Amino acid sequence: MAGKPELHQPNNHEEEVTLEDHDPEGLICSSKSLQGHLTRAPWLLPLLISLGLFLLMLATLVQISRICANPQGQTQDQKGSSSFGKVAVPQEQTYTGLEQIQQIQQQLTQFNASLAGLCRPCPWDWEFFQGSCYLFSRTLASWGASASSCKDLGAHLVIVNSVAEQQFLKYWHIRQSQLTWIGLSDHQREGSWQWVDDTPLKLSFWKEGEPNNAGDEDCVVIAEDKWNDSTCSANNFWVCEQPSTPCPGHARSALP
């Protein structure tokens, strides 16, 4: 009828255009449009599914590799932390240290041996024999002066107590070839021979026919390898005797 206005019914294509015009970013897509794409490219759906499965498998493998590697890392960290607080001494350095200690001990032993060699049980110019020190004079003096000289040195005129000691004195007497005073006399009482320490005579080495007290002979000398009484005022060599001083090493070894 001419009097009624005609109503305009938009087709589907115009509705889709209108909706797309109101989506400025192009984010809205109709299901019909997507179905149209899949209909035109039937290989697209399997490709998307395969790609998704590949990415899922890749992510799973990465996660598994991390889990497997993590315990080793922790073990190394624990080893590192445990060894950090310890001082590692190489075996070669330890062996070298033991060698140095042994060398020091050997040097100390040699040093002590050298000191023992330098240690003298007797003063200089004195001779050592069986625990005693002997000084053979180089000057002449009377028996009384000789006894005083020995006393000033902290010693006394020699006292003969054994055959070995007599032989020792005989050796020195032969070397000097001179008469030598010993610490024996009877000036306190005639015929009563005593040593300078007031001990009586027990062992004697008199020359045949001696003592004879010829001319008031009250003091004794070594004549050749025997004893002889002589005048105490005569000037002769003399022999002083004193105990020896043990070296420190010998003294320690003598202790039980």
Protein backbone atom coordinates (compact mmCIF):
# COMPACT_ATOMS: atom_id res chain seq x y z
CA MET A 1 0.00 0.00 0.00
CA ALA A 2 1.22 3.47 -0.86
CA GLY A 3 0.25 4.89 2.51
CA LYS A 4 2.48 2.58 4.69
CA PRO A 5 6.21 3.10 4.94
CA GLU A 6 8.44 0.18 4.03
CA LEU A 7 10.49 -1.41 6.74
CA HIS A 8 14.13 -2.09 5.90
CA GLN A 9 15.38 -5.54 7.07
CA PRO A 10 19.14 -5.74 7.09
CA ASN A 11 20.66 -8.95 5.81
CA ASN A 12 23.21 -11.03 7.70
CA HIS A 13 26.11 -9.53 5.88
CA GLU A 14 25.16 -6.04 6.95
CA GLU A 15 24.79 -7.15 10.62
CA GLU A 16 28.27 -8.62 10.61
CA VAL A 17 29.70 -5.46 9.15
CA THR A 18 27.92 -3.41 11.78
CA LEU A 19 29.35 -5.50 14.60
CA GLU A 20 32.82 -5.37 13.16
CA ASP A 21 32.56 -1.63 12.84
CA HIS A 22 31.87 -1.37 16.59
CA ASP A 23 35.00 -3.52 17.43
CA PRO A 24 37.89 -1.10 16.81
CA GLU A 25 40.62 -3.56 17.92
CA GLY A 26 39.34 -6.46 15.84
CA LEU A 27 39.07 -8.69 18.91
CA ILE A 28 35.54 -9.91 18.35
CA CYS A 29 35.09 -12.64 15.81
CA SER A 30 31.96 -14.55 15.15
CA SER A 31 31.83 -18.31 15.30
CA LYS A 32 30.58 -18.37 11.75
CA SER A 33 33.72 -16.56 10.55
CA LEU A 34 36.02 -19.10 12.38
CA GLN A 35 34.06 -22.00 10.98
CA GLY A 36 34.44 -20.47 7.57
CA HIS A 37 38.24 -20.38 7.94
CA LEU A 38 38.38 -23.99 9.13
CA THR A 39 36.13 -25.03 6.26
CA ARG A 40 38.41 -23.37 3.74
CA ALA A 41 41.66 -24.84 5.44
CA PRO A 42 40.93 -28.29 6.89
CA TRP A 43 44.65 -28.89 7.83
CA LEU A 44 44.74 -25.97 10.28
CA LEU A 45 43.07 -27.78 13.20
CA PRO A 46 45.48 -30.78 13.30
CA LEU A 47 48.40 -28.36 13.06
CA LEU A 48 47.21 -26.39 16.08
CA ILE A 49 46.66 -29.56 18.08
CA SER A 50 50.13 -30.87 17.20
CA LEU A 51 51.73 -27.55 18.11
CA GLY A 52 50.01 -27.55 21.49
CA LEU A 53 51.12 -31.11 22.25
CA PHE A 54 54.70 -30.25 21.24
CA LEU A 55 54.81 -27.26 23.54
CA LEU A 56 53.38 -29.36 26.40
CA MET A 57 55.98 -32.08 25.91
CA LEU A 58 58.76 -29.49 25.71
CA ALA A 59 57.69 -27.88 28.97
CA THR A 60 57.49 -31.32 30.64
CA LEU A 61 61.01 -32.27 29.49
CA VAL A 62 62.43 -28.97 30.76
CA GLN A 63 60.80 -29.52 34.15
CA ILE A 64 62.09 -33.10 34.39
CA SER A 65 65.63 -32.00 33.51
CA ARG A 66 65.54 -29.39 36.25
CA ILE A 67 64.34 -31.93 38.83
CA CYS A 68 67.10 -34.39 37.87
CA ALA A 69 69.80 -31.73 37.99
CA ASN A 70 68.68 -30.22 41.31
CA PRO A 71 69.84 -33.06 43.65
CA GLN A 72 73.33 -32.98 42.12
CA GLY A 73 73.53 -29.28 42.66
CA GLN A 74 72.45 -29.68 46.26
CA THR A 75 75.02 -32.42 46.80
CA GLN A 76 77.78 -30.25 45.42
CA ASP A 77 76.63 -27.34 47.52
CA GLN A 78 76.57 -29.52 50.62
CA LYS A 79 80.02 -30.86 49.82
CA GLY A 80 81.31 -27.38 49.25
CA SER A 81 79.78 -26.07 52.46
CA SER A 82 81.03 -29.04 54.48
CA SER A 83 84.56 -28.75 53.11
CA PHE A 84 84.61 -24.99 53.52
CA GLY A 85 85.03 -25.20 57.28
CA LYS A 86 87.81 -27.78 57.07
CA VAL A 87 91.46 -27.06 56.36
CA ALA A 88 92.65 -29.53 53.78
CA VAL A 89 96.32 -30.41 54.28
CA PRO A 90 97.87 -31.99 51.20
CA GLN A 91 99.63 -35.26 51.81
CA GLU A 92 102.87 -33.96 50.33
CA GLN A 93 102.88 -30.97 52.68
CA THR A 94 102.26 -33.24 55.68
CA TYR A 95 105.12 -35.51 54.66
CA THR A 96 107.38 -32.52 54.20
CA GLY A 97 106.48 -31.29 57.69
CA LEU A 98 107.42 -34.67 59.19
CA GLU A 99 110.73 -34.58 57.35
CA GLN A 100 111.45 -31.12 58.74
CA ILE A 101 110.71 -32.30 62.29
CA GLN A 102 113.05 -35.26 61.83
CA GLN A 103 115.77 -32.99 60.48
CA ILE A 104 115.37 -30.66 63.46
CA GLN A 105 115.62 -33.61 65.84
CA GLN A 106 118.76 -34.83 64.10
CA GLN A 107 120.28 -31.36 64.29
CA LEU A 108 119.45 -31.15 67.99
CA THR A 109 121.05 -34.55 68.57
CA GLN A 110 124.19 -33.49 66.74
CA PHE A 111 124.21 -30.21 68.64
CA ASN A 112 123.93 -32.02 71.99
CA ALA A 113 126.71 -34.38 70.94
CA SER A 114 128.86 -31.38 70.06
CA LEU A 115 128.15 -29.82 73.44
CA ALA A 116 129.01 -33.10 75.13
CA GLY A 117 132.30 -33.09 73.24
CA LEU A 118 132.99 -29.54 74.36
CA CYS A 119 132.09 -30.34 77.94
CA ARG A 120 135.18 -31.12 79.98
CA PRO A 121 134.88 -32.91 83.32
CA CYS A 122 138.12 -31.25 84.36
CA PRO A 123 139.44 -27.67 84.12
CA TRP A 124 141.89 -26.79 81.38
CA ASP A 125 145.41 -28.16 81.91
CA TRP A 126 143.99 -30.86 84.18
CA GLU A 127 143.97 -34.55 83.24
CA PHE A 128 140.97 -36.80 83.78
CA PHE A 129 141.28 -40.34 85.12
CA GLN A 130 138.64 -42.55 86.76
CA GLY A 131 136.43 -39.76 88.06
CA SER A 132 139.23 -37.47 89.25
CA CYS A 133 141.14 -34.53 87.78
CA TYR A 134 144.91 -34.23 88.09
CA LEU A 135 147.13 -31.21 87.67
CA PHE A 136 150.83 -31.84 87.10
CA SER A 137 152.80 -28.79 88.15
CA ARG A 138 155.38 -27.12 85.95
CA THR A 139 157.17 -25.41 88.80
CA LEU A 140 159.10 -26.63 91.85
CA ALA A 141 158.09 -26.14 95.45
CA SER A 142 158.38 -27.69 98.90
CA TRP A 143 155.89 -30.24 100.13
CA GLY A 144 154.10 -27.68 102.32
CA ALA A 145 153.98 -25.05 99.52
CA SER A 146 152.75 -27.67 97.07
CA ALA A 147 149.96 -28.70 99.47
CA SER A 148 148.98 -25.02 99.86
CA SER A 149 148.92 -24.47 96.08
CA CYS A 150 146.60 -27.43 95.62
CA LYS A 151 144.35 -26.21 98.42
CA ASP A 152 144.12 -22.78 96.80
CA LEU A 153 142.85 -24.47 93.66
CA GLY A 154 140.15 -26.33 95.59
CA ALA A 155 142.12 -29.58 95.39
CA HIS A 156 144.69 -31.50 97.44
CA LEU A 157 147.96 -33.31 96.85
CA VAL A 158 147.26 -36.58 95.12
CA ILE A 159 146.05 -39.53 97.20
CA VAL A 160 146.81 -42.94 95.66
CA ASN A 161 144.01 -45.43 96.31
CA SER A 162 144.54 -48.10 93.62
CA VAL A 163 147.08 -49.83 91.44
CA ALA A 164 145.54 -48.23 88.36
CA GLU A 165 146.01 -44.78 89.84
CA GLN A 166 149.63 -45.61 90.65
CA GLN A 167 150.20 -46.66 87.04
CA PHE A 168 148.62 -43.43 85.85
CA LEU A 169 150.96 -41.38 88.02
CA LYS A 170 153.91 -43.54 86.94
CA TYR A 171 153.22 -42.65 83.31
CA TRP A 172 153.35 -38.96 84.05
CA HIS A 173 156.39 -39.33 86.26
CA ILE A 174 158.26 -41.09 83.45
CA ARG A 175 157.26 -38.38 81.01
CA GLN A 176 158.55 -35.66 83.30
CA SER A 177 161.52 -37.68 84.60
CA GLN A 178 161.41 -35.68 87.82
CA LEU A 179 160.65 -36.37 91.47
CA THR A 180 157.02 -35.50 92.26
CA TRP A 181 155.33 -34.87 95.60
CA ILE A 182 152.27 -36.89 96.61
CA GLY A 183 149.96 -36.20 99.55
CA LEU A 184 151.56 -38.65 102.02
CA SER A 185 153.63 -37.76 105.11
CA ASP A 186 154.41 -38.72 108.71
CA HIS A 187 155.36 -35.30 109.99
CA GLN A 188 152.64 -35.43 112.64
CA ARG A 189 153.90 -38.70 114.07
CA GLU A 190 157.05 -40.48 112.97
CA GLY A 191 156.34 -43.76 111.21
CA SER A 192 152.57 -43.11 111.08
CA TRP A 193 151.96 -42.33 107.43
CA GLN A 194 148.80 -40.43 106.64
CA TRP A 195 147.32 -38.80 103.60
CA VAL A 196 146.47 -35.12 103.47
CA ASP A 197 142.83 -35.96 104.23
CA ASP A 198 144.01 -37.64 107.49
CA THR A 199 143.18 -41.16 106.26
CA PRO A 200 145.80 -43.79 107.17
CA LEU A 201 147.98 -45.49 104.56
CA LYS A 202 146.63 -48.87 103.43
CA LEU A 203 148.05 -49.46 99.96
CA SER A 204 151.71 -48.59 99.37
CA PHE A 205 154.28 -48.76 96.53
CA TRP A 206 157.54 -48.21 98.42
CA LYS A 207 160.87 -48.59 96.72
CA GLU A 208 162.94 -51.35 98.21
CA GLY A 209 164.59 -50.13 101.44
CA GLU A 210 162.15 -47.23 101.82
CA PRO A 211 161.05 -45.43 103.84
CA ASN A 212 164.30 -45.10 105.75
CA ASN A 213 163.87 -41.65 107.32
CA ALA A 214 167.42 -40.73 106.39
CA GLY A 215 167.92 -37.12 107.46
CA ASP A 216 164.42 -36.57 108.87
CA GLU A 217 162.50 -37.51 105.71
CA ASP A 218 158.81 -37.08 106.47
CA CYS A 219 157.27 -36.48 103.02
CA VAL A 220 156.87 -38.84 100.06
CA VAL A 221 157.80 -38.45 96.39
CA ILE A 222 157.38 -40.71 93.39
CA ALA A 223 160.88 -41.82 92.42
CA GLU A 224 160.89 -43.59 89.05
CA ASP A 225 157.96 -46.02 89.50
CA LYS A 226 158.17 -46.34 93.31
CA TRP A 227 157.79 -44.20 96.43
CA ASN A 228 160.56 -42.71 98.49
CA ASP A 229 160.52 -40.62 101.62
CA SER A 230 162.29 -37.26 101.31
CA THR A 231 162.94 -34.05 103.17
CA CYS A 232 159.75 -31.97 103.13
CA SER A 233 161.68 -28.75 102.42
CA ALA A 234 163.09 -30.08 99.13
CA ASN A 235 161.79 -28.49 95.93
CA ASN A 236 160.03 -30.91 93.66
CA PHE A 237 157.15 -31.01 91.22
CA TRP A 238 153.78 -31.96 92.61
CA VAL A 239 150.41 -33.38 91.58
CA CYS A 240 147.04 -31.94 92.63
CA GLU A 241 143.85 -34.00 92.64
CA GLN A 242 140.17 -33.07 92.78
CA PRO A 243 136.87 -34.76 91.89
CA SER A 244 135.72 -34.37 88.31
CA THR A 245 132.52 -32.57 87.31
CA PRO A 246 130.26 -34.82 85.18
CA CYS A 247 128.90 -33.35 81.96
CA PRO A 248 125.13 -32.70 81.99
CA GLY A 249 124.38 -35.54 79.57
CA HIS A 250 126.47 -38.00 81.57
CA ALA A 251 124.86 -36.93 84.80
CA ARG A 252 121.36 -37.54 83.42
CA SER A 253 122.34 -40.92 82.02
CA ALA A 254 123.72 -41.96 85.40
CA LEU A 255 120.37 -41.42 87.07
CA PRO A 256 118.19 -44.55 87.52
